[in-house]
Amino acid sequence: MTYLSPNRIFRLINPIISVIRRSFDNDSVTSYAFLTGDVAETFECVFTFDSNDRTVSAFKVENPGKQIPLIMSFCNLIKELNLSWDEDVIKTKLRVTGGNDASGTALSIASLNPSVNKYITNFSCFYNDMSVALRMSITTWTIKAGEEKSHNTV
């Protein structure tokens, strides 16, 4: 992988592109504009930007029929977007309730739950979208909560 910027590195570059050499004298544009403008036009290629692993790849446009990873955004191809989701699919917080035990006391997970409430939380499906600081805070809390739980159980 080749260094691109503090946030991105090159992952895949079409071999045809990697052997061609050109010089550019344009330092008045952003890296994104430079790649998707001057470089894409000169090398007749398409750039894809993977926001999950923060990589950039370059593919020749003359490779018809071959699949390339393509990320669409309002910056490049999307003009209008209608989103819909099924609220039953993604859950980050679950409220646990129960009936009563033999003595009539309401069943609850609060005494066993590290957060001492009746909720179980899981934010792992959003980790890639979180800042490093937030992800580390949640991880630290989870570890500490687990340690507290092990001290409180018999």
N, C-alpha and C. Protein backbone atom coordinates (compact mmCIF):
# COMPACT_ATOMS: atom_id res chain seq x y z
N MET A 1 0.83 -1.19 0.00
CA MET A 1 0.00 0.00 0.00
C MET A 1 0.87 1.25 0.00
N THR A 2 0.46 2.22 -0.72
CA THR A 2 1.21 3.46 -0.87
C THR A 2 0.56 4.56 -0.04
N TYR A 3 1.37 5.40 0.55
CA TYR A 3 0.89 6.50 1.38
C TYR A 3 0.16 7.53 0.53
N LEU A 4 -1.01 7.97 0.96
CA LEU A 4 -1.79 8.96 0.24
C LEU A 4 -1.97 10.24 1.04
N SER A 5 -2.45 10.13 2.25
CA SER A 5 -2.67 11.28 3.11
C SER A 5 -2.74 10.77 4.53
N PRO A 6 -2.86 11.66 5.51
CA PRO A 6 -2.93 11.18 6.89
C PRO A 6 -4.10 10.23 7.13
N ASN A 7 -5.14 10.32 6.31
CA ASN A 7 -6.32 9.50 6.55
C ASN A 7 -6.49 8.34 5.58
N ARG A 8 -5.80 8.33 4.47
CA ARG A 8 -6.04 7.33 3.43
C ARG A 8 -4.74 6.75 2.88
N ILE A 9 -4.83 5.50 2.41
CA ILE A 9 -3.72 4.87 1.71
C ILE A 9 -4.26 4.19 0.47
N PHE A 10 -3.41 4.02 -0.55
CA PHE A 10 -3.82 3.31 -1.76
C PHE A 10 -3.87 1.82 -1.46
N ARG A 11 -4.92 1.17 -1.94
CA ARG A 11 -5.04 -0.27 -1.76
C ARG A 11 -4.81 -0.99 -3.08
N LEU A 12 -5.64 -0.76 -4.07
CA LEU A 12 -5.51 -1.43 -5.37
C LEU A 12 -5.31 -0.40 -6.47
N ILE A 13 -4.34 -0.66 -7.31
CA ILE A 13 -4.11 0.19 -8.47
C ILE A 13 -3.96 -0.74 -9.67
N ASN A 14 -4.76 -0.50 -10.71
CA ASN A 14 -4.69 -1.31 -11.91
C ASN A 14 -3.24 -1.33 -12.41
N PRO A 15 -2.69 -2.52 -12.72
CA PRO A 15 -1.29 -2.61 -13.15
C PRO A 15 -0.95 -1.75 -14.36
N ILE A 16 -1.90 -1.55 -15.25
CA ILE A 16 -1.65 -0.70 -16.43
C ILE A 16 -1.38 0.74 -15.99
N ILE A 17 -2.12 1.20 -14.99
CA ILE A 17 -1.95 2.56 -14.49
C ILE A 17 -0.62 2.71 -13.76
N SER A 18 -0.25 1.70 -13.00
CA SER A 18 0.93 1.83 -12.14
C SER A 18 2.25 1.94 -12.90
N VAL A 19 2.29 1.58 -14.19
CA VAL A 19 3.55 1.68 -14.94
C VAL A 19 3.65 2.96 -15.76
N ILE A 20 2.55 3.70 -15.86
CA ILE A 20 2.54 4.96 -16.61
C ILE A 20 3.00 6.09 -15.70
N ARG A 21 3.85 6.96 -16.23
CA ARG A 21 4.35 8.10 -15.46
C ARG A 21 3.90 9.41 -16.11
N ARG A 22 3.42 10.33 -15.30
CA ARG A 22 3.04 11.67 -15.75
C ARG A 22 3.44 12.67 -14.68
N SER A 23 3.63 13.90 -15.10
CA SER A 23 3.91 14.99 -14.15
C SER A 23 2.74 15.95 -14.15
N PHE A 24 2.40 16.44 -12.96
CA PHE A 24 1.32 17.40 -12.81
C PHE A 24 1.85 18.60 -12.04
N ASP A 25 1.37 19.76 -12.39
CA ASP A 25 1.75 20.97 -11.68
C ASP A 25 0.45 21.68 -11.28
N ASN A 26 -0.17 21.16 -10.23
CA ASN A 26 -1.44 21.72 -9.79
C ASN A 26 -1.55 21.52 -8.28
N ASP A 27 -1.20 22.52 -7.52
CA ASP A 27 -1.27 22.40 -6.07
C ASP A 27 -2.38 23.27 -5.48
N SER A 28 -3.31 23.72 -6.35
CA SER A 28 -4.37 24.60 -5.84
C SER A 28 -5.70 23.87 -5.69
N VAL A 29 -5.68 22.54 -5.71
CA VAL A 29 -6.92 21.78 -5.54
C VAL A 29 -6.75 20.76 -4.42
N THR A 30 -7.87 20.25 -3.93
CA THR A 30 -7.82 19.23 -2.89
C THR A 30 -7.34 17.91 -3.50
N SER A 31 -6.90 16.99 -2.64
CA SER A 31 -6.47 15.68 -3.11
C SER A 31 -7.59 14.96 -3.85
N TYR A 32 -8.79 15.04 -3.31
CA TYR A 32 -9.94 14.39 -3.93
C TYR A 32 -10.19 14.96 -5.33
N ALA A 33 -10.22 16.29 -5.44
CA ALA A 33 -10.47 16.93 -6.74
C ALA A 33 -9.35 16.59 -7.72
N PHE A 34 -8.12 16.56 -7.25
CA PHE A 34 -6.99 16.22 -8.11
C PHE A 34 -7.12 14.80 -8.65
N LEU A 35 -7.42 13.83 -7.76
CA LEU A 35 -7.53 12.44 -8.19
C LEU A 35 -8.71 12.23 -9.13
N THR A 36 -9.89 12.74 -8.75
CA THR A 36 -11.08 12.50 -9.55
C THR A 36 -11.17 13.40 -10.78
N GLY A 37 -10.31 14.40 -10.85
CA GLY A 37 -10.29 15.29 -12.01
C GLY A 37 -9.11 15.01 -12.92
N ASP A 38 -7.99 15.68 -12.64
CA ASP A 38 -6.80 15.60 -13.50
C ASP A 38 -6.29 14.18 -13.68
N VAL A 39 -6.11 13.46 -12.59
CA VAL A 39 -5.53 12.12 -12.67
C VAL A 39 -6.49 11.15 -13.36
N ALA A 40 -7.77 11.19 -13.00
CA ALA A 40 -8.76 10.30 -13.61
C ALA A 40 -8.85 10.54 -15.12
N GLU A 41 -8.81 11.78 -15.53
CA GLU A 41 -8.89 12.10 -16.96
C GLU A 41 -7.61 11.69 -17.69
N THR A 42 -6.46 11.98 -17.12
CA THR A 42 -5.19 11.66 -17.77
C THR A 42 -4.97 10.16 -17.90
N PHE A 43 -5.26 9.41 -16.84
CA PHE A 43 -5.03 7.96 -16.85
C PHE A 43 -6.26 7.16 -17.26
N GLU A 44 -7.36 7.86 -17.58
CA GLU A 44 -8.62 7.21 -17.95
C GLU A 44 -8.98 6.12 -16.95
N CYS A 45 -9.14 6.56 -15.71
CA CYS A 45 -9.44 5.62 -14.64
C CYS A 45 -10.53 6.17 -13.73
N VAL A 46 -11.01 5.29 -12.88
CA VAL A 46 -12.03 5.63 -11.89
C VAL A 46 -11.44 5.35 -10.53
N PHE A 47 -11.62 6.27 -9.60
CA PHE A 47 -11.15 6.07 -8.23
C PHE A 47 -12.33 5.67 -7.35
N THR A 48 -12.07 4.73 -6.47
CA THR A 48 -13.06 4.37 -5.45
C THR A 48 -12.45 4.66 -4.09
N PHE A 49 -13.27 5.15 -3.20
CA PHE A 49 -12.84 5.54 -1.87
C PHE A 49 -13.60 4.70 -0.86
N ASP A 50 -12.90 3.85 -0.14
CA ASP A 50 -13.52 2.99 0.87
C ASP A 50 -13.46 3.70 2.21
N SER A 51 -14.61 4.13 2.69
CA SER A 51 -14.63 4.90 3.94
C SER A 51 -14.48 4.02 5.17
N ASN A 52 -14.71 2.71 5.03
CA ASN A 52 -14.55 1.83 6.19
C ASN A 52 -13.08 1.59 6.52
N ASP A 53 -12.28 1.22 5.51
CA ASP A 53 -10.86 0.98 5.81
C ASP A 53 -9.97 2.12 5.34
N ARG A 54 -10.59 3.23 4.93
CA ARG A 54 -9.90 4.46 4.55
C ARG A 54 -8.83 4.23 3.49
N THR A 55 -9.24 3.56 2.40
CA THR A 55 -8.32 3.29 1.30
C THR A 55 -8.88 3.87 0.01
N VAL A 56 -7.98 4.01 -0.98
CA VAL A 56 -8.34 4.48 -2.30
C VAL A 56 -7.82 3.46 -3.30
N SER A 57 -8.64 3.15 -4.30
CA SER A 57 -8.24 2.24 -5.37
C SER A 57 -8.47 2.91 -6.71
N ALA A 58 -7.69 2.50 -7.73
CA ALA A 58 -7.82 3.06 -9.07
C ALA A 58 -8.02 1.93 -10.07
N PHE A 59 -9.05 2.07 -10.92
CA PHE A 59 -9.38 1.06 -11.92
C PHE A 59 -9.48 1.72 -13.29
N LYS A 60 -9.01 1.05 -14.33
CA LYS A 60 -9.15 1.55 -15.69
C LYS A 60 -10.61 1.52 -16.09
N VAL A 61 -11.07 2.57 -16.80
CA VAL A 61 -12.46 2.61 -17.23
C VAL A 61 -12.70 1.68 -18.41
N GLU A 62 -11.66 1.22 -19.06
CA GLU A 62 -11.82 0.35 -20.23
C GLU A 62 -11.97 -1.12 -19.88
N ASN A 63 -12.23 -1.43 -18.63
CA ASN A 63 -12.44 -2.81 -18.20
C ASN A 63 -13.93 -3.10 -18.16
N PRO A 64 -14.61 -3.13 -19.34
CA PRO A 64 -16.06 -3.34 -19.32
C PRO A 64 -16.43 -4.73 -18.80
N GLY A 65 -17.53 -4.79 -18.09
CA GLY A 65 -18.02 -6.06 -17.60
C GLY A 65 -17.38 -6.52 -16.31
N LYS A 66 -16.31 -5.89 -15.90
CA LYS A 66 -15.68 -6.27 -14.65
C LYS A 66 -16.27 -5.44 -13.53
N GLN A 67 -16.52 -6.10 -12.41
CA GLN A 67 -17.08 -5.40 -11.27
C GLN A 67 -15.97 -4.66 -10.52
N ILE A 68 -16.28 -3.45 -10.14
CA ILE A 68 -15.36 -2.68 -9.30
C ILE A 68 -16.15 -2.18 -8.10
N PRO A 69 -15.50 -2.05 -6.96
CA PRO A 69 -16.22 -1.49 -5.81
C PRO A 69 -16.48 -0.01 -6.07
N LEU A 70 -17.71 0.37 -5.98
CA LEU A 70 -18.08 1.75 -6.27
C LEU A 70 -18.87 2.32 -5.11
N ILE A 71 -18.40 3.40 -4.58
CA ILE A 71 -19.10 4.07 -3.49
C ILE A 71 -19.74 5.33 -4.07
N MET A 72 -21.04 5.41 -3.94
CA MET A 72 -21.75 6.57 -4.46
C MET A 72 -22.03 7.53 -3.30
N SER A 73 -21.91 8.81 -3.58
CA SER A 73 -22.20 9.81 -2.57
C SER A 73 -22.75 11.05 -3.25
N PHE A 74 -23.16 12.03 -2.46
CA PHE A 74 -23.64 13.29 -3.02
C PHE A 74 -22.51 14.06 -3.68
N CYS A 75 -21.26 13.71 -3.36
CA CYS A 75 -20.11 14.38 -3.97
C CYS A 75 -19.84 13.88 -5.38
N ASN A 76 -20.31 12.66 -5.72
CA ASN A 76 -19.98 12.16 -7.04
C ASN A 76 -21.20 11.81 -7.90
N LEU A 77 -22.05 10.90 -7.49
CA LEU A 77 -23.11 10.41 -8.37
C LEU A 77 -24.53 10.64 -7.88
N ILE A 78 -24.75 10.68 -6.60
CA ILE A 78 -26.11 10.75 -6.06
C ILE A 78 -26.63 12.18 -6.09
N LYS A 79 -27.81 12.33 -6.65
CA LYS A 79 -28.48 13.64 -6.66
C LYS A 79 -29.62 13.67 -5.65
N GLU A 80 -30.28 12.53 -5.45
CA GLU A 80 -31.38 12.43 -4.49
C GLU A 80 -31.35 11.03 -3.89
N LEU A 81 -31.71 10.91 -2.63
CA LEU A 81 -31.63 9.63 -1.95
C LEU A 81 -32.81 9.48 -1.00
N ASN A 82 -33.50 8.38 -1.13
CA ASN A 82 -34.60 8.05 -0.22
C ASN A 82 -34.20 6.83 0.57
N LEU A 83 -34.08 6.98 1.87
CA LEU A 83 -33.68 5.89 2.74
C LEU A 83 -34.88 5.30 3.45
N SER A 84 -34.85 4.00 3.61
CA SER A 84 -35.84 3.34 4.44
C SER A 84 -35.13 2.22 5.19
N TRP A 85 -35.66 1.86 6.33
CA TRP A 85 -35.04 0.81 7.12
C TRP A 85 -36.12 0.09 7.90
N ASP A 86 -35.76 -1.08 8.34
CA ASP A 86 -36.65 -1.89 9.15
C ASP A 86 -36.18 -1.76 10.59
N GLU A 87 -36.95 -1.08 11.40
CA GLU A 87 -36.56 -0.83 12.78
C GLU A 87 -36.41 -2.10 13.60
N ASP A 88 -36.98 -3.20 13.10
CA ASP A 88 -36.88 -4.47 13.83
C ASP A 88 -35.54 -5.16 13.59
N VAL A 89 -34.75 -4.66 12.66
CA VAL A 89 -33.49 -5.31 12.32
C VAL A 89 -32.33 -4.83 13.20
N ILE A 90 -32.22 -3.53 13.42
CA ILE A 90 -31.11 -2.98 14.19
C ILE A 90 -31.58 -2.62 15.59
N LYS A 91 -30.92 -3.20 16.56
CA LYS A 91 -31.22 -2.89 17.95
C LYS A 91 -29.92 -2.56 18.67
N THR A 92 -29.89 -1.46 19.38
CA THR A 92 -28.71 -1.12 20.17
C THR A 92 -28.99 -1.19 21.66
N LYS A 93 -30.26 -1.16 22.01
CA LYS A 93 -30.62 -1.19 23.42
C LYS A 93 -31.86 -2.07 23.58
N LEU A 94 -31.76 -3.03 24.47
CA LEU A 94 -32.84 -3.97 24.71
C LEU A 94 -33.28 -3.87 26.17
N ARG A 95 -34.57 -3.65 26.37
CA ARG A 95 -35.13 -3.59 27.73
C ARG A 95 -35.58 -4.99 28.11
N VAL A 96 -35.02 -5.51 29.18
CA VAL A 96 -35.33 -6.87 29.63
C VAL A 96 -36.33 -6.80 30.76
N THR A 97 -37.45 -7.47 30.56
CA THR A 97 -38.47 -7.53 31.60
C THR A 97 -38.88 -8.99 31.81
N GLY A 98 -39.48 -9.24 32.93
CA GLY A 98 -39.91 -10.60 33.23
C GLY A 98 -41.10 -10.59 34.15
N GLY A 99 -41.56 -11.77 34.47
CA GLY A 99 -42.70 -11.91 35.37
C GLY A 99 -42.24 -11.82 36.82
N ASN A 100 -42.89 -12.56 37.66
CA ASN A 100 -42.57 -12.57 39.09
C ASN A 100 -42.01 -13.93 39.48
N ASP A 101 -41.14 -13.92 40.47
CA ASP A 101 -40.64 -15.21 40.97
C ASP A 101 -41.66 -15.81 41.94
N ALA A 102 -41.29 -16.92 42.57
CA ALA A 102 -42.21 -17.63 43.46
C ALA A 102 -42.67 -16.77 44.64
N SER A 103 -41.86 -15.82 45.06
CA SER A 103 -42.24 -14.97 46.20
C SER A 103 -43.05 -13.76 45.78
N GLY A 104 -43.27 -13.60 44.46
CA GLY A 104 -44.04 -12.45 43.97
C GLY A 104 -43.18 -11.26 43.60
N THR A 105 -41.85 -11.37 43.78
CA THR A 105 -40.95 -10.28 43.43
C THR A 105 -40.75 -10.25 41.91
N ALA A 106 -40.79 -9.05 41.34
CA ALA A 106 -40.61 -8.91 39.89
C ALA A 106 -39.20 -9.34 39.50
N LEU A 107 -39.11 -10.13 38.44
CA LEU A 107 -37.80 -10.56 37.94
C LEU A 107 -37.14 -9.40 37.19
N SER A 108 -35.84 -9.25 37.39
CA SER A 108 -35.11 -8.15 36.76
C SER A 108 -33.65 -8.55 36.59
N ILE A 109 -33.02 -7.98 35.58
CA ILE A 109 -31.59 -8.23 35.39
C ILE A 109 -30.75 -7.16 36.05
N ALA A 110 -31.39 -6.18 36.67
CA ALA A 110 -30.66 -5.03 37.23
C ALA A 110 -29.56 -5.45 38.20
N SER A 111 -29.81 -6.45 39.00
CA SER A 111 -28.80 -6.85 39.98
C SER A 111 -27.62 -7.55 39.33
N LEU A 112 -27.80 -8.09 38.15
CA LEU A 112 -26.71 -8.77 37.44
C LEU A 112 -26.07 -7.90 36.38
N ASN A 113 -26.77 -6.87 35.96
CA ASN A 113 -26.30 -6.01 34.87
C ASN A 113 -25.26 -5.02 35.40
N PRO A 114 -24.12 -4.90 34.73
CA PRO A 114 -23.08 -3.97 35.18
C PRO A 114 -23.56 -2.52 35.30
N SER A 115 -24.53 -2.13 34.47
CA SER A 115 -25.02 -0.75 34.54
C SER A 115 -26.15 -0.61 35.56
N VAL A 116 -26.48 -1.68 36.27
CA VAL A 116 -27.49 -1.72 37.32
C VAL A 116 -28.83 -1.15 36.83
N ASN A 117 -29.22 -1.54 35.64
CA ASN A 117 -30.55 -1.19 35.14
C ASN A 117 -31.09 -2.37 34.34
N LYS A 118 -32.25 -2.20 33.74
CA LYS A 118 -32.87 -3.31 33.03
C LYS A 118 -32.62 -3.28 31.52
N TYR A 119 -31.53 -2.64 31.10
CA TYR A 119 -31.21 -2.52 29.68
C TYR A 119 -29.89 -3.22 29.34
N ILE A 120 -29.86 -3.84 28.18
CA ILE A 120 -28.63 -4.39 27.61
C ILE A 120 -28.34 -3.56 26.37
N THR A 121 -27.14 -3.03 26.26
CA THR A 121 -26.79 -2.21 25.10
C THR A 121 -25.68 -2.87 24.29
N ASN A 122 -25.70 -2.62 22.98
CA ASN A 122 -24.68 -3.13 22.07
C ASN A 122 -24.58 -2.16 20.90
N PHE A 123 -23.46 -1.47 20.81
CA PHE A 123 -23.25 -0.48 19.75
C PHE A 123 -22.26 -0.96 18.70
N SER A 124 -21.91 -2.24 18.71
CA SER A 124 -20.84 -2.76 17.85
C SER A 124 -21.12 -2.54 16.36
N CYS A 125 -22.39 -2.53 15.95
CA CYS A 125 -22.66 -2.34 14.52
C CYS A 125 -22.34 -0.91 14.07
N PHE A 126 -22.11 0.00 15.00
CA PHE A 126 -21.79 1.38 14.65
C PHE A 126 -20.33 1.74 14.93
N TYR A 127 -19.51 0.78 15.38
CA TYR A 127 -18.12 1.07 15.73
C TYR A 127 -17.36 1.75 14.59
N ASN A 128 -17.54 1.29 13.36
CA ASN A 128 -16.79 1.87 12.24
C ASN A 128 -17.17 3.32 11.97
N ASP A 129 -18.36 3.73 12.41
CA ASP A 129 -18.80 5.11 12.20
C ASP A 129 -18.48 6.03 13.37
N MET A 130 -17.96 5.46 14.45
CA MET A 130 -17.65 6.25 15.66
C MET A 130 -16.24 6.83 15.59
N SER A 131 -16.06 7.90 16.32
CA SER A 131 -14.71 8.43 16.47
C SER A 131 -13.89 7.45 17.30
N VAL A 132 -12.60 7.52 17.17
CA VAL A 132 -11.72 6.63 17.94
C VAL A 132 -11.94 6.86 19.44
N ALA A 133 -12.09 8.11 19.83
CA ALA A 133 -12.27 8.42 21.25
C ALA A 133 -13.56 7.80 21.80
N LEU A 134 -14.65 7.90 21.06
CA LEU A 134 -15.91 7.32 21.51
C LEU A 134 -15.81 5.80 21.56
N ARG A 135 -15.23 5.20 20.53
CA ARG A 135 -15.08 3.74 20.50
C ARG A 135 -14.25 3.26 21.68
N MET A 136 -13.16 3.97 21.99
CA MET A 136 -12.31 3.59 23.12
C MET A 136 -13.04 3.76 24.44
N SER A 137 -13.84 4.81 24.57
CA SER A 137 -14.61 5.03 25.80
C SER A 137 -15.60 3.90 26.03
N ILE A 138 -16.30 3.50 24.98
CA ILE A 138 -17.26 2.40 25.11
C ILE A 138 -16.54 1.11 25.45
N THR A 139 -15.42 0.86 24.80
CA THR A 139 -14.64 -0.36 25.08
C THR A 139 -14.14 -0.36 26.52
N THR A 140 -13.63 0.77 26.98
CA THR A 140 -13.15 0.88 28.36
C THR A 140 -14.29 0.64 29.34
N TRP A 141 -15.44 1.25 29.10
CA TRP A 141 -16.59 1.06 29.98
C TRP A 141 -17.01 -0.40 30.00
N THR A 142 -17.04 -1.04 28.83
CA THR A 142 -17.45 -2.45 28.75
C THR A 142 -16.51 -3.34 29.56
N ILE A 143 -15.20 -3.08 29.46
CA ILE A 143 -14.23 -3.87 30.21
C ILE A 143 -14.42 -3.65 31.71
N LYS A 144 -14.53 -2.38 32.12
CA LYS A 144 -14.72 -2.09 33.55
C LYS A 144 -16.03 -2.67 34.07
N ALA A 145 -17.08 -2.59 33.27
CA ALA A 145 -18.36 -3.14 33.68
C ALA A 145 -18.25 -4.65 33.86
N GLY A 146 -17.53 -5.30 32.97
CA GLY A 146 -17.32 -6.75 33.08
C GLY A 146 -16.53 -7.10 34.33
N GLU A 147 -15.53 -6.28 34.67
CA GLU A 147 -14.75 -6.52 35.89
C GLU A 147 -15.63 -6.35 37.12
N GLU A 148 -16.47 -5.31 37.13
CA GLU A 148 -17.38 -5.10 38.26
C GLU A 148 -18.35 -6.27 38.40
N LYS A 149 -18.84 -6.75 37.28
CA LYS A 149 -19.79 -7.86 37.31
C LYS A 149 -19.13 -9.09 37.90
N SER A 150 -17.87 -9.37 37.52
CA SER A 150 -17.20 -10.57 38.03
C SER A 150 -16.93 -10.43 39.54
N HIS A 151 -16.75 -9.20 40.04
CA HIS A 151 -16.54 -8.99 41.49
C HIS A 151 -17.84 -9.15 42.27
N ASN A 152 -18.95 -8.83 41.61
CA ASN A 152 -20.24 -8.86 42.30
C ASN A 152 -20.93 -10.21 42.26
N THR A 153 -20.48 -11.12 41.40
CA THR A 153 -21.13 -12.42 41.32
C THR A 153 -20.44 -13.40 42.25
N VAL A 154 -21.21 -14.33 42.71
CA VAL A 154 -20.68 -15.32 43.66
C VAL A 154 -20.42 -16.61 42.95
